[in-house]
Amino acid sequence: MTKNQLRIYYKKLRTKLSEQEKQNKSLAIANQLLQIEIWDNTFYHLFLPIAEQNEVNTEYILNLLMGKDKEIVISKTDFTNRKMSHFLLSETTKIKKNKYNIPEPVSGEHISVEKIDVVFIPLLAYDTHGNRVGYGKGFYDNFLSECRSDVLKIGLSFFDPENEIEDVYESDIPLDYCITPHAIYTFKKTN
């Protein structure tokens, strides 16, 4: 299927999940994360879920990161240039939904992308090669292209991968891992 076909299909699939299913699957994803070796890092970029899009609830991952005393980075989106600015999450960070219902920090300590070690990535679909489909605005492709080459890119999904996304672009940045409630998919190339 093409990216557009996958967007339509997986948006529909996510709307069929009950609130309880979403919470159970989100918790299972957080528990799966404990099995991969990512915990020696310091700065973890975490998306705050758009509840209206039935995204993975990252609160469970947030609690894991806080329990491990990690630095948590969240973003603010700029729709005029399709860029994201990144802020350290602290006890005083105020979060407000933007006009697209994306929870974002109002202000805070700015963090440069070079500091980020791990990025948790929202997605609608992905394939067995680590290619992903988001909402099509390019925010994460822009963001990931600015990150260090060794940044770990971890997708979070309620669903298993597609065999192949038909219209992958050269500029698309693949995942290193995708975590589902029942499996850990590894795409990271080892030397």
N, C-alpha and C. Protein backbone atom coordinates (compact mmCIF):
# COMPACT_ATOMS: atom_id res chain seq x y z
N MET A 1 0.84 -1.19 0.00
CA MET A 1 0.00 0.00 0.00
C MET A 1 0.89 1.26 0.00
N THR A 2 0.31 2.34 -0.45
CA THR A 2 1.02 3.62 -0.44
C THR A 2 0.86 4.27 0.93
N LYS A 3 1.63 5.32 1.18
CA LYS A 3 1.55 6.02 2.46
C LYS A 3 0.13 6.55 2.72
N ASN A 4 -0.48 7.13 1.70
CA ASN A 4 -1.83 7.67 1.88
C ASN A 4 -2.83 6.57 2.20
N GLN A 5 -2.73 5.44 1.51
CA GLN A 5 -3.63 4.32 1.81
C GLN A 5 -3.43 3.82 3.23
N LEU A 6 -2.16 3.74 3.65
CA LEU A 6 -1.85 3.28 5.00
C LEU A 6 -2.35 4.26 6.05
N ARG A 7 -2.22 5.56 5.78
CA ARG A 7 -2.73 6.57 6.73
C ARG A 7 -4.22 6.36 6.97
N ILE A 8 -4.97 6.23 5.90
CA ILE A 8 -6.43 6.05 6.02
C ILE A 8 -6.75 4.77 6.78
N TYR A 9 -6.09 3.69 6.41
CA TYR A 9 -6.37 2.38 7.01
C TYR A 9 -6.05 2.37 8.51
N TYR A 10 -4.86 2.87 8.88
CA TYR A 10 -4.45 2.78 10.29
C TYR A 10 -5.15 3.82 11.17
N LYS A 11 -5.52 4.95 10.62
CA LYS A 11 -6.32 5.90 11.41
C LYS A 11 -7.65 5.25 11.78
N LYS A 12 -8.25 4.56 10.80
CA LYS A 12 -9.52 3.87 11.03
C LYS A 12 -9.35 2.75 12.06
N LEU A 13 -8.26 2.01 11.94
CA LEU A 13 -7.98 0.90 12.86
C LEU A 13 -7.81 1.41 14.29
N ARG A 14 -7.12 2.54 14.44
CA ARG A 14 -6.92 3.10 15.78
C ARG A 14 -8.22 3.58 16.41
N THR A 15 -9.13 4.11 15.59
CA THR A 15 -10.40 4.60 16.16
C THR A 15 -11.24 3.45 16.71
N LYS A 16 -10.97 2.23 16.26
CA LYS A 16 -11.74 1.07 16.75
C LYS A 16 -11.27 0.59 18.11
N LEU A 17 -10.12 1.08 18.58
CA LEU A 17 -9.62 0.67 19.89
C LEU A 17 -10.42 1.36 21.00
N SER A 18 -10.83 0.60 21.98
CA SER A 18 -11.51 1.21 23.13
C SER A 18 -10.45 1.91 23.98
N GLU A 19 -10.88 2.78 24.88
CA GLU A 19 -9.95 3.47 25.76
C GLU A 19 -9.16 2.46 26.59
N GLN A 20 -9.84 1.42 27.07
CA GLN A 20 -9.15 0.40 27.89
C GLN A 20 -8.11 -0.35 27.06
N GLU A 21 -8.45 -0.70 25.82
CA GLU A 21 -7.49 -1.39 24.94
C GLU A 21 -6.27 -0.50 24.71
N LYS A 22 -6.52 0.79 24.46
CA LYS A 22 -5.42 1.73 24.21
C LYS A 22 -4.49 1.80 25.42
N GLN A 23 -5.07 1.88 26.62
CA GLN A 23 -4.25 1.97 27.84
C GLN A 23 -3.47 0.67 28.06
N ASN A 24 -4.13 -0.47 27.89
CA ASN A 24 -3.46 -1.76 28.08
C ASN A 24 -2.31 -1.95 27.10
N LYS A 25 -2.55 -1.59 25.84
CA LYS A 25 -1.52 -1.73 24.81
C LYS A 25 -0.38 -0.74 25.04
N SER A 26 -0.70 0.46 25.49
CA SER A 26 0.32 1.47 25.77
C SER A 26 1.22 1.01 26.92
N LEU A 27 0.64 0.44 27.95
CA LEU A 27 1.41 -0.08 29.08
C LEU A 27 2.30 -1.24 28.62
N ALA A 28 1.75 -2.11 27.78
CA ALA A 28 2.54 -3.25 27.27
C ALA A 28 3.73 -2.76 26.44
N ILE A 29 3.55 -1.69 25.68
CA ILE A 29 4.65 -1.11 24.88
C ILE A 29 5.74 -0.59 25.82
N ALA A 30 5.35 0.12 26.87
CA ALA A 30 6.33 0.62 27.84
C ALA A 30 7.10 -0.54 28.48
N ASN A 31 6.41 -1.61 28.82
CA ASN A 31 7.07 -2.77 29.41
C ASN A 31 8.05 -3.43 28.43
N GLN A 32 7.68 -3.46 27.15
CA GLN A 32 8.58 -4.03 26.13
C GLN A 32 9.88 -3.23 26.05
N LEU A 33 9.78 -1.92 26.23
CA LEU A 33 10.96 -1.06 26.15
C LEU A 33 12.05 -1.46 27.14
N LEU A 34 11.63 -2.03 28.26
CA LEU A 34 12.60 -2.44 29.28
C LEU A 34 13.53 -3.53 28.79
N GLN A 35 13.13 -4.22 27.70
CA GLN A 35 13.92 -5.34 27.19
C GLN A 35 15.00 -4.93 26.19
N ILE A 36 15.01 -3.67 25.75
CA ILE A 36 16.06 -3.27 24.81
C ILE A 36 17.09 -2.39 25.51
N GLU A 37 18.31 -2.43 25.01
CA GLU A 37 19.41 -1.76 25.69
C GLU A 37 19.53 -0.30 25.24
N ILE A 38 18.69 0.52 25.85
CA ILE A 38 18.70 1.95 25.53
C ILE A 38 18.88 2.80 26.78
N TRP A 39 19.07 2.16 27.92
CA TRP A 39 18.93 2.86 29.19
C TRP A 39 20.22 3.49 29.70
N ASP A 40 21.33 3.36 28.96
CA ASP A 40 22.57 4.01 29.35
C ASP A 40 22.66 5.44 28.83
N ASN A 41 21.66 5.87 28.09
CA ASN A 41 21.65 7.22 27.52
C ASN A 41 21.13 8.23 28.53
N THR A 42 21.23 9.51 28.16
CA THR A 42 20.82 10.58 29.07
C THR A 42 19.58 11.33 28.60
N PHE A 43 19.57 11.78 27.32
CA PHE A 43 18.47 12.62 26.81
C PHE A 43 17.53 11.81 25.92
N TYR A 44 16.26 11.75 26.34
CA TYR A 44 15.24 10.98 25.64
C TYR A 44 14.15 11.93 25.16
N HIS A 45 13.93 11.94 23.85
CA HIS A 45 12.87 12.79 23.28
C HIS A 45 11.58 11.97 23.25
N LEU A 46 10.55 12.51 23.85
CA LEU A 46 9.28 11.80 23.96
C LEU A 46 8.15 12.66 23.41
N PHE A 47 7.32 12.08 22.56
CA PHE A 47 6.15 12.83 22.09
C PHE A 47 5.03 12.72 23.12
N LEU A 48 4.27 13.79 23.25
CA LEU A 48 3.07 13.77 24.08
C LEU A 48 1.92 13.44 23.15
N PRO A 49 1.13 12.41 23.47
CA PRO A 49 0.16 11.90 22.50
C PRO A 49 -1.01 12.84 22.23
N ILE A 50 -1.49 12.77 21.00
CA ILE A 50 -2.71 13.46 20.62
C ILE A 50 -3.86 12.50 20.93
N ALA A 51 -4.56 12.75 22.01
CA ALA A 51 -5.62 11.84 22.47
C ALA A 51 -6.69 11.65 21.39
N GLU A 52 -6.98 12.74 20.69
CA GLU A 52 -8.04 12.70 19.66
C GLU A 52 -7.65 11.80 18.48
N GLN A 53 -6.36 11.49 18.34
CA GLN A 53 -5.89 10.60 17.26
C GLN A 53 -5.66 9.18 17.77
N ASN A 54 -6.03 8.93 19.03
CA ASN A 54 -5.85 7.60 19.64
C ASN A 54 -4.40 7.11 19.55
N GLU A 55 -3.46 8.03 19.79
CA GLU A 55 -2.05 7.66 19.76
C GLU A 55 -1.67 6.86 21.00
N VAL A 56 -0.53 6.19 20.93
CA VAL A 56 0.02 5.46 22.08
C VAL A 56 0.14 6.45 23.24
N ASN A 57 -0.36 6.05 24.40
CA ASN A 57 -0.25 6.89 25.59
C ASN A 57 1.18 6.75 26.13
N THR A 58 1.96 7.81 26.01
CA THR A 58 3.37 7.76 26.41
C THR A 58 3.58 8.09 27.90
N GLU A 59 2.51 8.26 28.64
CA GLU A 59 2.64 8.55 30.07
C GLU A 59 3.38 7.42 30.79
N TYR A 60 3.17 6.18 30.35
CA TYR A 60 3.85 5.03 30.96
C TYR A 60 5.36 5.11 30.71
N ILE A 61 5.74 5.52 29.51
CA ILE A 61 7.16 5.68 29.18
C ILE A 61 7.74 6.86 29.96
N LEU A 62 6.97 7.92 30.07
CA LEU A 62 7.38 9.09 30.84
C LEU A 62 7.70 8.67 32.28
N ASN A 63 6.84 7.85 32.87
CA ASN A 63 7.07 7.38 34.24
C ASN A 63 8.33 6.52 34.33
N LEU A 64 8.56 5.68 33.31
CA LEU A 64 9.80 4.88 33.27
C LEU A 64 11.03 5.79 33.25
N LEU A 65 11.00 6.78 32.37
CA LEU A 65 12.13 7.69 32.23
C LEU A 65 12.38 8.47 33.52
N MET A 66 11.31 8.92 34.15
CA MET A 66 11.46 9.66 35.40
C MET A 66 12.01 8.74 36.49
N GLY A 67 11.53 7.50 36.52
CA GLY A 67 12.01 6.53 37.51
C GLY A 67 13.48 6.21 37.32
N LYS A 68 13.98 6.32 36.10
CA LYS A 68 15.39 6.05 35.81
C LYS A 68 16.21 7.35 35.83
N ASP A 69 15.58 8.44 36.25
CA ASP A 69 16.24 9.74 36.39
C ASP A 69 16.86 10.23 35.08
N LYS A 70 16.12 10.09 33.98
CA LYS A 70 16.59 10.51 32.66
C LYS A 70 16.13 11.93 32.36
N GLU A 71 16.84 12.58 31.46
CA GLU A 71 16.43 13.90 30.98
C GLU A 71 15.41 13.69 29.87
N ILE A 72 14.23 14.30 30.03
CA ILE A 72 13.13 14.11 29.08
C ILE A 72 12.96 15.39 28.27
N VAL A 73 12.94 15.22 26.95
CA VAL A 73 12.82 16.35 26.03
C VAL A 73 11.49 16.24 25.31
N ILE A 74 10.75 17.34 25.26
CA ILE A 74 9.49 17.39 24.51
C ILE A 74 9.56 18.54 23.51
N SER A 75 8.65 18.55 22.55
CA SER A 75 8.76 19.52 21.46
C SER A 75 7.56 20.41 21.32
N LYS A 76 7.83 21.50 20.62
CA LYS A 76 6.80 22.45 20.20
C LYS A 76 6.91 22.53 18.68
N THR A 77 5.79 22.49 18.00
CA THR A 77 5.80 22.49 16.53
C THR A 77 5.54 23.88 15.98
N ASP A 78 6.19 24.17 14.86
CA ASP A 78 5.97 25.42 14.14
C ASP A 78 5.47 25.04 12.75
N PHE A 79 4.19 25.26 12.52
CA PHE A 79 3.57 24.83 11.26
C PHE A 79 3.94 25.74 10.08
N THR A 80 4.55 26.89 10.35
CA THR A 80 4.94 27.76 9.23
C THR A 80 6.17 27.22 8.51
N ASN A 81 7.07 26.57 9.27
CA ASN A 81 8.29 26.03 8.63
C ASN A 81 8.46 24.52 8.82
N ARG A 82 7.45 23.89 9.44
CA ARG A 82 7.46 22.44 9.69
C ARG A 82 8.67 21.99 10.49
N LYS A 83 9.02 22.80 11.46
CA LYS A 83 10.15 22.50 12.35
C LYS A 83 9.64 22.30 13.77
N MET A 84 10.46 21.66 14.58
CA MET A 84 10.15 21.46 15.98
C MET A 84 11.26 22.08 16.82
N SER A 85 10.90 22.74 17.91
CA SER A 85 11.89 23.20 18.88
C SER A 85 11.72 22.32 20.12
N HIS A 86 12.81 22.10 20.84
CA HIS A 86 12.84 21.08 21.87
C HIS A 86 13.16 21.69 23.24
N PHE A 87 12.43 21.18 24.25
CA PHE A 87 12.53 21.74 25.59
C PHE A 87 12.66 20.62 26.62
N LEU A 88 13.43 20.90 27.65
CA LEU A 88 13.58 19.98 28.76
C LEU A 88 12.29 19.98 29.58
N LEU A 89 11.76 18.80 29.85
CA LEU A 89 10.55 18.69 30.66
C LEU A 89 10.96 18.76 32.13
N SER A 90 10.34 19.66 32.87
CA SER A 90 10.64 19.79 34.30
C SER A 90 9.32 19.87 35.07
N GLU A 91 9.43 19.91 36.38
CA GLU A 91 8.23 19.98 37.22
C GLU A 91 7.43 21.26 36.97
N THR A 92 8.10 22.30 36.48
CA THR A 92 7.42 23.58 36.27
C THR A 92 6.93 23.78 34.83
N THR A 93 7.19 22.81 33.96
CA THR A 93 6.78 22.94 32.55
C THR A 93 5.26 22.98 32.45
N LYS A 94 4.76 24.02 31.81
CA LYS A 94 3.32 24.11 31.53
C LYS A 94 3.06 23.54 30.14
N ILE A 95 2.06 22.67 30.04
CA ILE A 95 1.71 22.03 28.78
C ILE A 95 0.36 22.57 28.33
N LYS A 96 0.27 22.91 27.05
CA LYS A 96 -0.98 23.42 26.49
C LYS A 96 -1.17 22.80 25.10
N LYS A 97 -2.40 22.44 24.77
CA LYS A 97 -2.67 21.90 23.43
C LYS A 97 -2.69 23.02 22.40
N ASN A 98 -2.06 22.78 21.25
CA ASN A 98 -2.13 23.77 20.18
C ASN A 98 -3.43 23.58 19.40
N LYS A 99 -3.62 24.32 18.31
CA LYS A 99 -4.90 24.25 17.58
C LYS A 99 -5.12 22.90 16.89
N TYR A 100 -4.06 22.06 16.82
CA TYR A 100 -4.18 20.71 16.24
C TYR A 100 -4.28 19.65 17.33
N ASN A 101 -4.51 20.08 18.57
CA ASN A 101 -4.64 19.22 19.75
C ASN A 101 -3.34 18.52 20.14
N ILE A 102 -2.20 19.06 19.70
CA ILE A 102 -0.91 18.50 20.10
C ILE A 102 -0.50 19.15 21.42
N PRO A 103 -0.30 18.35 22.48
CA PRO A 103 0.16 18.92 23.75
C PRO A 103 1.61 19.39 23.60
N GLU A 104 1.86 20.64 23.98
CA GLU A 104 3.18 21.22 23.81
C GLU A 104 3.58 22.04 25.02
N PRO A 105 4.91 22.20 25.25
CA PRO A 105 5.34 23.08 26.33
C PRO A 105 5.08 24.54 25.95
N VAL A 106 4.66 25.32 26.91
CA VAL A 106 4.45 26.75 26.67
C VAL A 106 5.79 27.45 26.57
N SER A 107 6.73 27.07 27.43
CA SER A 107 8.09 27.61 27.41
C SER A 107 8.98 26.64 28.17
N GLY A 108 10.22 27.01 28.38
CA GLY A 108 11.11 26.15 29.15
C GLY A 108 12.54 26.27 28.67
N GLU A 109 13.40 25.37 29.19
CA GLU A 109 14.81 25.36 28.83
C GLU A 109 14.97 24.69 27.47
N HIS A 110 15.48 25.45 26.50
CA HIS A 110 15.68 24.94 25.15
C HIS A 110 16.82 23.92 25.14
N ILE A 111 16.63 22.81 24.41
CA ILE A 111 17.65 21.76 24.29
C ILE A 111 18.02 21.62 22.82
N SER A 112 19.31 21.59 22.52
CA SER A 112 19.74 21.43 21.12
C SER A 112 19.60 19.96 20.72
N VAL A 113 19.33 19.73 19.45
CA VAL A 113 19.12 18.37 18.96
C VAL A 113 20.36 17.51 19.13
N GLU A 114 21.54 18.12 19.15
CA GLU A 114 22.78 17.35 19.30
C GLU A 114 22.84 16.60 20.63
N LYS A 115 22.12 17.07 21.62
CA LYS A 115 22.13 16.43 22.94
C LYS A 115 21.26 15.18 22.99
N ILE A 116 20.29 15.07 22.08
CA ILE A 116 19.30 13.99 22.16
C ILE A 116 19.92 12.66 21.75
N ASP A 117 19.72 11.64 22.62
CA ASP A 117 20.27 10.30 22.39
C ASP A 117 19.25 9.33 21.82
N VAL A 118 18.00 9.45 22.26
CA VAL A 118 16.94 8.51 21.87
C VAL A 118 15.70 9.32 21.51
N VAL A 119 15.05 8.95 20.41
CA VAL A 119 13.81 9.61 20.00
C VAL A 119 12.71 8.57 19.89
N PHE A 120 11.64 8.76 20.65
CA PHE A 120 10.44 7.92 20.52
C PHE A 120 9.54 8.60 19.49
N ILE A 121 9.13 7.83 18.48
CA ILE A 121 8.48 8.43 17.32
C ILE A 121 7.03 7.95 17.17
N PRO A 122 6.09 8.90 17.07
CA PRO A 122 4.71 8.52 16.79
C PRO A 122 4.60 8.13 15.32
N LEU A 123 3.74 7.19 15.01
CA LEU A 123 3.56 6.80 13.62
C LEU A 123 2.19 6.17 13.43
N LEU A 124 1.78 6.11 12.19
CA LEU A 124 0.53 5.44 11.84
C LEU A 124 0.81 4.02 11.38
N ALA A 125 1.88 3.84 10.60
CA ALA A 125 2.23 2.52 10.08
C ALA A 125 3.73 2.46 9.85
N TYR A 126 4.25 1.27 9.66
CA TYR A 126 5.67 1.05 9.37
C TYR A 126 5.78 -0.29 8.66
N ASP A 127 6.94 -0.53 8.06
CA ASP A 127 7.11 -1.81 7.35
C ASP A 127 8.26 -2.61 7.93
N THR A 128 8.49 -3.79 7.39
CA THR A 128 9.51 -4.71 7.91
C THR A 128 10.93 -4.21 7.67
N HIS A 129 11.08 -3.09 6.95
CA HIS A 129 12.39 -2.50 6.70
C HIS A 129 12.65 -1.29 7.62
N GLY A 130 11.67 -0.94 8.45
CA GLY A 130 11.82 0.20 9.35
C GLY A 130 11.34 1.52 8.77
N ASN A 131 10.78 1.48 7.58
CA ASN A 131 10.20 2.71 7.01
C ASN A 131 8.89 2.99 7.74
N ARG A 132 8.60 4.29 7.92
CA ARG A 132 7.41 4.63 8.71
C ARG A 132 6.52 5.60 7.95
N VAL A 133 5.28 5.62 8.39
CA VAL A 133 4.29 6.55 7.85
C VAL A 133 3.74 7.36 9.02
N GLY A 134 3.90 8.69 8.94
CA GLY A 134 3.32 9.57 9.94
C GLY A 134 2.11 10.26 9.34
N TYR A 135 1.85 11.47 9.79
CA TYR A 135 0.69 12.20 9.30
C TYR A 135 0.97 12.94 7.99
N GLY A 136 2.21 12.90 7.53
CA GLY A 136 2.53 13.45 6.21
C GLY A 136 2.98 14.89 6.18
N LYS A 137 3.25 15.48 7.34
CA LYS A 137 3.68 16.88 7.37
C LYS A 137 5.20 17.03 7.38
N GLY A 138 5.92 15.94 7.63
CA GLY A 138 7.38 15.97 7.56
C GLY A 138 8.10 16.47 8.81
N PHE A 139 7.37 16.68 9.91
CA PHE A 139 8.00 17.20 11.13
C PHE A 139 9.12 16.28 11.63
N TYR A 140 8.83 14.99 11.70
CA TYR A 140 9.83 14.07 12.24
C TYR A 140 10.97 13.84 11.27
N ASP A 141 10.70 13.83 9.97
CA ASP A 141 11.81 13.71 9.00
C ASP A 141 12.74 14.91 9.13
N ASN A 142 12.17 16.11 9.26
CA ASN A 142 13.00 17.31 9.45
C ASN A 142 13.80 17.22 10.74
N PHE A 143 13.13 16.85 11.80
CA PHE A 143 13.77 16.74 13.12
C PHE A 143 14.89 15.69 13.09
N LEU A 144 14.59 14.50 12.60
CA LEU A 144 15.58 13.41 12.60
C LEU A 144 16.78 13.73 11.72
N SER A 145 16.56 14.50 10.66
CA SER A 145 17.68 14.86 9.78
C SER A 145 18.65 15.81 10.48
N GLU A 146 18.19 16.48 11.55
CA GLU A 146 19.04 17.39 12.32
C GLU A 146 19.76 16.68 13.46
N CYS A 147 19.31 15.47 13.81
CA CYS A 147 19.89 14.74 14.94
C CYS A 147 21.25 14.15 14.58
N ARG A 148 21.99 13.75 15.61
CA ARG A 148 23.25 13.04 15.40
C ARG A 148 22.99 11.74 14.64
N SER A 149 23.98 11.26 13.93
CA SER A 149 23.80 10.03 13.14
C SER A 149 23.58 8.80 14.02
N ASP A 150 24.03 8.86 15.28
CA ASP A 150 23.89 7.70 16.16
C ASP A 150 22.64 7.77 17.06
N VAL A 151 21.77 8.75 16.83
CA VAL A 151 20.56 8.84 17.65
C VAL A 151 19.71 7.59 17.41
N LEU A 152 19.14 7.04 18.48
CA LEU A 152 18.29 5.85 18.35
C LEU A 152 16.87 6.29 18.03
N LYS A 153 16.30 5.73 16.97
CA LYS A 153 14.97 6.10 16.51
C LYS A 153 14.03 4.93 16.79
N ILE A 154 13.10 5.15 17.72
CA ILE A 154 12.22 4.08 18.18
C ILE A 154 10.76 4.44 17.92
N GLY A 155 10.14 3.72 17.00
CA GLY A 155 8.72 3.90 16.73
C GLY A 155 7.88 3.16 17.75
N LEU A 156 6.69 3.68 18.01
CA LEU A 156 5.75 3.05 18.93
C LEU A 156 4.46 2.79 18.16
N SER A 157 4.01 1.53 18.17
CA SER A 157 2.81 1.20 17.40
C SER A 157 1.97 0.15 18.10
N PHE A 158 0.67 0.27 17.96
CA PHE A 158 -0.24 -0.75 18.47
C PHE A 158 -0.25 -1.98 17.56
N PHE A 159 0.27 -1.84 16.33
CA PHE A 159 0.08 -2.86 15.30
C PHE A 159 1.40 -3.41 14.76
N ASP A 160 1.32 -4.56 14.10
CA ASP A 160 2.48 -5.19 13.47
C ASP A 160 2.82 -4.47 12.16
N PRO A 161 4.02 -4.72 11.61
CA PRO A 161 4.43 -4.00 10.39
C PRO A 161 3.74 -4.52 9.13
N GLU A 162 3.70 -3.65 8.16
CA GLU A 162 3.33 -4.02 6.79
C GLU A 162 4.57 -4.65 6.16
N ASN A 163 4.40 -5.44 5.11
CA ASN A 163 5.56 -6.01 4.43
C ASN A 163 6.40 -4.93 3.78
N GLU A 164 5.71 -3.98 3.13
CA GLU A 164 6.45 -2.93 2.44
C GLU A 164 5.57 -1.72 2.19
N ILE A 165 6.16 -0.55 2.36
CA ILE A 165 5.49 0.70 1.99
C ILE A 165 5.95 1.00 0.57
N GLU A 166 4.99 1.18 -0.33
CA GLU A 166 5.31 1.31 -1.76
C GLU A 166 6.07 2.57 -2.13
N ASP A 167 5.74 3.69 -1.50
CA ASP A 167 6.29 4.96 -1.93
C ASP A 167 7.23 5.59 -0.90
N VAL A 168 8.32 4.87 -0.60
CA VAL A 168 9.35 5.38 0.31
C VAL A 168 10.26 6.31 -0.47
N TYR A 169 10.59 7.45 0.15
CA TYR A 169 11.48 8.43 -0.49
C TYR A 169 12.89 8.29 0.05
N GLU A 170 13.85 8.72 -0.72
CA GLU A 170 15.25 8.66 -0.29
C GLU A 170 15.49 9.48 0.97
N SER A 171 14.72 10.56 1.12
CA SER A 171 14.88 11.44 2.29
C SER A 171 14.21 10.89 3.55
N ASP A 172 13.40 9.84 3.41
CA ASP A 172 12.75 9.23 4.58
C ASP A 172 13.80 8.60 5.48
N ILE A 173 13.67 8.80 6.78
CA ILE A 173 14.63 8.27 7.73
C ILE A 173 14.00 7.08 8.44
N PRO A 174 14.58 5.89 8.26
CA PRO A 174 13.98 4.68 8.86
C PRO A 174 14.22 4.59 10.36
N LEU A 175 13.42 3.75 10.99
CA LEU A 175 13.52 3.48 12.42
C LEU A 175 14.67 2.53 12.70
N ASP A 176 15.15 2.55 13.94
CA ASP A 176 16.07 1.52 14.42
C ASP A 176 15.29 0.38 15.07
N TYR A 177 14.19 0.76 15.74
CA TYR A 177 13.31 -0.21 16.40
C TYR A 177 11.86 0.24 16.22
N CYS A 178 10.95 -0.72 16.32
CA CYS A 178 9.55 -0.36 16.54
C CYS A 178 9.04 -1.29 17.63
N ILE A 179 8.38 -0.71 18.60
CA ILE A 179 7.89 -1.45 19.76
C ILE A 179 6.37 -1.54 19.68
N THR A 180 5.87 -2.77 19.79
CA THR A 180 4.42 -3.00 19.82
C THR A 180 4.09 -3.65 21.16
N PRO A 181 2.82 -3.84 21.46
CA PRO A 181 2.48 -4.50 22.73
C PRO A 181 3.02 -5.93 22.83
N HIS A 182 3.27 -6.58 21.68
CA HIS A 182 3.64 -7.99 21.70
C HIS A 182 5.02 -8.30 21.11
N ALA A 183 5.70 -7.30 20.54
CA ALA A 183 6.96 -7.59 19.86
C ALA A 183 7.88 -6.38 19.82
N ILE A 184 9.16 -6.68 19.64
CA ILE A 184 10.18 -5.67 19.42
C ILE A 184 10.75 -5.95 18.03
N TYR A 185 10.59 -5.00 17.13
CA TYR A 185 11.13 -5.14 15.77
C TYR A 185 12.42 -4.35 15.71
N THR A 186 13.49 -4.98 15.24
CA THR A 186 14.79 -4.34 15.16
C THR A 186 15.17 -4.13 13.69
N PHE A 187 15.53 -2.91 13.35
CA PHE A 187 15.94 -2.58 11.98
C PHE A 187 17.36 -2.03 11.96
N LYS A 188 17.92 -1.80 13.15
CA LYS A 188 19.24 -1.16 13.27
C LYS A 188 20.29 -2.02 12.59
N LYS A 189 21.06 -1.38 11.74
CA LYS A 189 22.15 -2.07 11.03
C LYS A 189 23.34 -2.14 11.97
N THR A 190 23.91 -3.31 12.12
CA THR A 190 25.12 -3.44 12.93
C THR A 190 26.32 -3.61 12.03
N ASN A 191 27.44 -3.05 12.43
CA ASN A 191 28.66 -3.13 11.61
C ASN A 191 29.37 -4.44 11.80
